[in-house]
N, C-alpha and C. Protein backbone atom coordinates (compact mmCIF):
# COMPACT_ATOMS: atom_id res chain seq x y z
N MET A 1 58.91 147.62 63.80
CA MET A 1 57.76 146.74 63.86
C MET A 1 58.23 145.35 64.24
N CYS A 2 57.42 144.65 64.97
CA CYS A 2 57.74 143.29 65.42
C CYS A 2 57.65 142.35 64.23
N VAL A 3 58.73 141.62 63.98
CA VAL A 3 58.75 140.69 62.86
C VAL A 3 59.08 139.31 63.40
N ILE A 4 58.30 138.33 63.02
CA ILE A 4 58.52 136.94 63.40
C ILE A 4 59.01 136.21 62.16
N THR A 5 60.14 135.54 62.27
CA THR A 5 60.64 134.78 61.13
C THR A 5 60.01 133.40 61.14
N CYS A 6 59.94 132.80 59.99
CA CYS A 6 59.33 131.48 59.88
C CYS A 6 60.12 130.45 60.68
N ALA A 7 61.43 130.62 60.80
CA ALA A 7 62.26 129.67 61.54
C ALA A 7 61.93 129.70 63.03
N ALA A 8 61.39 130.81 63.52
CA ALA A 8 61.11 130.95 64.94
C ALA A 8 59.76 130.35 65.32
N VAL A 9 58.96 129.94 64.36
CA VAL A 9 57.61 129.45 64.62
C VAL A 9 57.50 128.03 64.07
N ALA A 10 56.94 127.14 64.89
CA ALA A 10 56.74 125.77 64.42
C ALA A 10 55.82 125.79 63.21
N PRO A 11 56.08 124.91 62.21
CA PRO A 11 55.29 124.93 60.98
C PRO A 11 53.78 124.84 61.20
N PHE A 12 53.33 124.06 62.17
CA PHE A 12 51.89 123.92 62.41
C PHE A 12 51.29 125.20 62.97
N ALA A 13 52.12 126.09 63.53
CA ALA A 13 51.63 127.31 64.15
C ALA A 13 51.64 128.50 63.19
N LEU A 14 52.20 128.35 62.00
CA LEU A 14 52.31 129.47 61.07
C LEU A 14 50.96 130.08 60.70
N PRO A 15 49.93 129.30 60.40
CA PRO A 15 48.63 129.93 60.08
C PRO A 15 48.10 130.76 61.25
N LEU A 16 48.23 130.26 62.46
CA LEU A 16 47.77 131.00 63.63
C LEU A 16 48.61 132.26 63.83
N GLU A 17 49.92 132.14 63.69
CA GLU A 17 50.79 133.31 63.84
C GLU A 17 50.46 134.36 62.78
N GLY A 18 50.15 133.92 61.56
CA GLY A 18 49.76 134.86 60.51
C GLY A 18 48.49 135.62 60.87
N ARG A 19 47.54 134.92 61.44
CA ARG A 19 46.30 135.56 61.87
C ARG A 19 46.55 136.56 62.99
N ILE A 20 47.40 136.18 63.94
CA ILE A 20 47.73 137.08 65.05
C ILE A 20 48.41 138.34 64.52
N LEU A 21 49.35 138.18 63.61
CA LEU A 21 50.02 139.35 63.03
C LEU A 21 49.05 140.26 62.29
N ALA A 22 48.10 139.67 61.57
CA ALA A 22 47.10 140.47 60.87
C ALA A 22 46.25 141.26 61.86
N HIS A 23 45.86 140.62 62.95
CA HIS A 23 45.07 141.32 63.97
C HIS A 23 45.88 142.43 64.64
N ARG A 24 47.13 142.18 64.89
CA ARG A 24 47.98 143.21 65.49
C ARG A 24 48.06 144.43 64.57
N ARG A 25 48.29 144.19 63.30
CA ARG A 25 48.41 145.30 62.35
C ARG A 25 47.10 146.07 62.24
N LEU A 26 46.00 145.35 62.24
CA LEU A 26 44.69 146.00 62.19
C LEU A 26 44.48 146.86 63.43
N LEU A 27 44.80 146.32 64.61
CA LEU A 27 44.66 147.10 65.84
C LEU A 27 45.50 148.36 65.81
N VAL A 28 46.72 148.25 65.34
CA VAL A 28 47.59 149.42 65.25
C VAL A 28 46.97 150.47 64.35
N GLU A 29 46.49 150.06 63.20
CA GLU A 29 45.88 151.03 62.28
C GLU A 29 44.61 151.64 62.86
N LEU A 30 43.80 150.84 63.53
CA LEU A 30 42.59 151.37 64.16
C LEU A 30 42.94 152.39 65.25
N LEU A 31 43.93 152.06 66.05
CA LEU A 31 44.35 153.00 67.10
C LEU A 31 44.88 154.30 66.51
N ARG A 32 45.66 154.19 65.45
CA ARG A 32 46.23 155.39 64.83
C ARG A 32 45.16 156.26 64.18
N ALA A 33 44.03 155.66 63.84
CA ALA A 33 42.95 156.41 63.19
C ALA A 33 42.04 157.13 64.19
N LEU A 34 42.25 156.88 65.48
CA LEU A 34 41.42 157.52 66.50
C LEU A 34 41.70 159.02 66.58
N PRO A 35 40.72 159.78 67.06
CA PRO A 35 40.99 161.20 67.34
C PRO A 35 42.14 161.29 68.36
N LYS A 36 42.91 162.37 68.27
CA LYS A 36 44.12 162.51 69.06
C LYS A 36 43.91 162.25 70.55
N GLU A 37 42.87 162.82 71.14
CA GLU A 37 42.64 162.65 72.58
C GLU A 37 42.40 161.19 72.94
N ARG A 38 41.57 160.52 72.15
CA ARG A 38 41.28 159.11 72.42
C ARG A 38 42.51 158.25 72.17
N TYR A 39 43.28 158.57 71.14
CA TYR A 39 44.52 157.86 70.83
C TYR A 39 45.46 157.93 72.03
N GLU A 40 45.63 159.11 72.59
CA GLU A 40 46.51 159.28 73.74
C GLU A 40 45.99 158.53 74.96
N GLU A 41 44.66 158.49 75.15
CA GLU A 41 44.08 157.70 76.24
C GLU A 41 44.41 156.21 76.06
N MET A 42 44.33 155.74 74.84
CA MET A 42 44.63 154.33 74.58
C MET A 42 46.11 154.03 74.79
N LEU A 43 46.99 154.96 74.42
CA LEU A 43 48.41 154.76 74.67
C LEU A 43 48.68 154.69 76.17
N THR A 44 48.00 155.52 76.93
CA THR A 44 48.14 155.48 78.39
C THR A 44 47.66 154.14 78.92
N TRP A 45 46.53 153.65 78.40
CA TRP A 45 46.01 152.35 78.83
C TRP A 45 47.02 151.25 78.51
N LEU A 46 47.59 151.28 77.32
CA LEU A 46 48.59 150.28 76.95
C LEU A 46 49.79 150.36 77.90
N ASP A 47 50.25 151.56 78.18
CA ASP A 47 51.39 151.73 79.09
C ASP A 47 51.06 151.20 80.48
N ASP A 48 49.85 151.42 80.93
CA ASP A 48 49.43 150.97 82.26
C ASP A 48 49.27 149.45 82.34
N ASN A 49 49.11 148.80 81.20
CA ASN A 49 48.86 147.36 81.17
C ASN A 49 49.99 146.55 80.55
N ARG A 50 51.17 147.15 80.43
CA ARG A 50 52.31 146.47 79.80
C ARG A 50 52.92 145.38 80.67
N LEU A 51 52.77 145.51 81.97
CA LEU A 51 53.42 144.58 82.89
C LEU A 51 52.40 143.79 83.68
N TYR A 52 52.78 142.59 84.04
CA TYR A 52 51.95 141.79 84.93
C TYR A 52 52.19 142.28 86.35
N ARG A 53 51.13 142.57 87.04
CA ARG A 53 51.24 143.01 88.43
C ARG A 53 50.53 142.02 89.33
N THR A 54 51.14 141.78 90.47
CA THR A 54 50.53 140.90 91.46
C THR A 54 50.37 141.67 92.76
N ASP A 55 49.40 141.30 93.53
CA ASP A 55 49.18 141.94 94.82
C ASP A 55 50.01 141.30 95.92
N GLN A 56 50.76 140.26 95.59
CA GLN A 56 51.55 139.56 96.59
C GLN A 56 52.74 140.41 97.01
N GLU A 57 52.99 140.46 98.31
CA GLU A 57 54.12 141.22 98.82
C GLU A 57 55.44 140.51 98.56
N ASP A 58 55.43 139.18 98.61
CA ASP A 58 56.64 138.39 98.41
C ASP A 58 56.77 138.06 96.93
N SER A 59 57.76 138.67 96.29
CA SER A 59 57.91 138.43 94.85
C SER A 59 58.32 136.99 94.55
N GLY A 60 58.81 136.27 95.55
CA GLY A 60 59.19 134.87 95.36
C GLY A 60 58.07 133.90 95.66
N ALA A 61 56.92 134.42 96.05
CA ALA A 61 55.79 133.54 96.38
C ALA A 61 55.33 132.78 95.15
N ALA A 62 54.78 131.60 95.39
CA ALA A 62 54.27 130.79 94.29
C ALA A 62 53.13 131.51 93.60
N LEU A 63 53.19 131.54 92.30
CA LEU A 63 52.14 132.20 91.52
C LEU A 63 51.04 131.19 91.21
N GLY A 64 49.82 131.67 91.20
CA GLY A 64 48.68 130.79 91.00
C GLY A 64 48.49 130.36 89.57
N ASP A 65 47.48 129.52 89.40
CA ASP A 65 47.11 129.08 88.05
C ASP A 65 46.70 130.29 87.23
N GLY A 66 46.93 130.22 85.97
CA GLY A 66 46.54 131.31 85.09
C GLY A 66 47.63 132.34 84.88
N ILE A 67 48.77 132.15 85.53
CA ILE A 67 49.85 133.13 85.39
C ILE A 67 50.32 133.21 83.93
N GLU A 68 50.33 132.07 83.24
CA GLU A 68 50.78 132.06 81.84
C GLU A 68 49.89 132.96 80.99
N LEU A 69 48.60 132.91 81.25
CA LEU A 69 47.66 133.73 80.50
C LEU A 69 47.91 135.22 80.76
N GLU A 70 48.11 135.58 82.01
CA GLU A 70 48.36 136.98 82.36
C GLU A 70 49.69 137.47 81.81
N LEU A 71 50.71 136.63 81.85
CA LEU A 71 52.01 137.01 81.28
C LEU A 71 51.91 137.18 79.77
N ALA A 72 51.16 136.29 79.11
CA ALA A 72 50.96 136.40 77.66
C ALA A 72 50.19 137.66 77.32
N ARG A 73 49.18 138.00 78.13
CA ARG A 73 48.41 139.22 77.91
C ARG A 73 49.31 140.44 78.03
N ALA A 74 50.11 140.49 79.07
CA ALA A 74 51.01 141.62 79.26
C ALA A 74 52.02 141.71 78.12
N ASP A 75 52.51 140.56 77.67
CA ASP A 75 53.47 140.55 76.56
C ASP A 75 52.81 141.07 75.28
N GLU A 76 51.58 140.68 75.04
CA GLU A 76 50.88 141.14 73.84
C GLU A 76 50.67 142.65 73.87
N VAL A 77 50.37 143.19 75.03
CA VAL A 77 50.22 144.64 75.16
C VAL A 77 51.55 145.33 74.83
N GLN A 78 52.66 144.76 75.29
CA GLN A 78 53.97 145.32 74.99
C GLN A 78 54.25 145.28 73.49
N VAL A 79 53.91 144.16 72.86
CA VAL A 79 54.12 144.04 71.42
C VAL A 79 53.32 145.10 70.67
N LEU A 80 52.06 145.28 71.04
CA LEU A 80 51.22 146.29 70.38
C LEU A 80 51.80 147.68 70.58
N ARG A 81 52.26 147.97 71.77
CA ARG A 81 52.82 149.30 72.05
C ARG A 81 54.06 149.55 71.21
N ARG A 82 54.91 148.54 71.08
CA ARG A 82 56.12 148.69 70.25
C ARG A 82 55.74 148.87 68.78
N MET A 83 54.72 148.16 68.33
CA MET A 83 54.29 148.29 66.94
C MET A 83 53.75 149.69 66.67
N ILE A 84 53.00 150.24 67.63
CA ILE A 84 52.48 151.59 67.48
C ILE A 84 53.62 152.61 67.43
N GLU A 85 54.61 152.43 68.30
CA GLU A 85 55.76 153.33 68.29
C GLU A 85 56.49 153.27 66.95
N ALA A 86 56.69 152.05 66.43
CA ALA A 86 57.38 151.89 65.16
C ALA A 86 56.58 152.50 64.01
N ALA A 87 55.27 152.38 64.05
CA ALA A 87 54.42 152.93 62.99
C ALA A 87 54.37 154.45 63.04
N SER A 88 54.63 155.00 64.21
CA SER A 88 54.57 156.46 64.37
C SER A 88 55.85 157.15 63.95
N ASP A 89 56.93 156.38 63.82
CA ASP A 89 58.22 156.97 63.43
C ASP A 89 58.27 157.35 61.98
């Protein structure tokens, strides 16, 4: 399971980080409670959305505004997928 230490988070961000962790844990439990077929569909969706994809042919091309949001979204999907894997072990 993904664990964030207090030293890794600025003190003013701890309440927000605590809320995010609570939501992550809730999502994991909700996903695990789904019927098997739907659970597997959601795992596939998570796998399909783990990485940020761009339609640009040149990987060195300048990325547009909003890239931080998309990278954070992809990172969050990866975190959730790892948490689900850890909870299933």
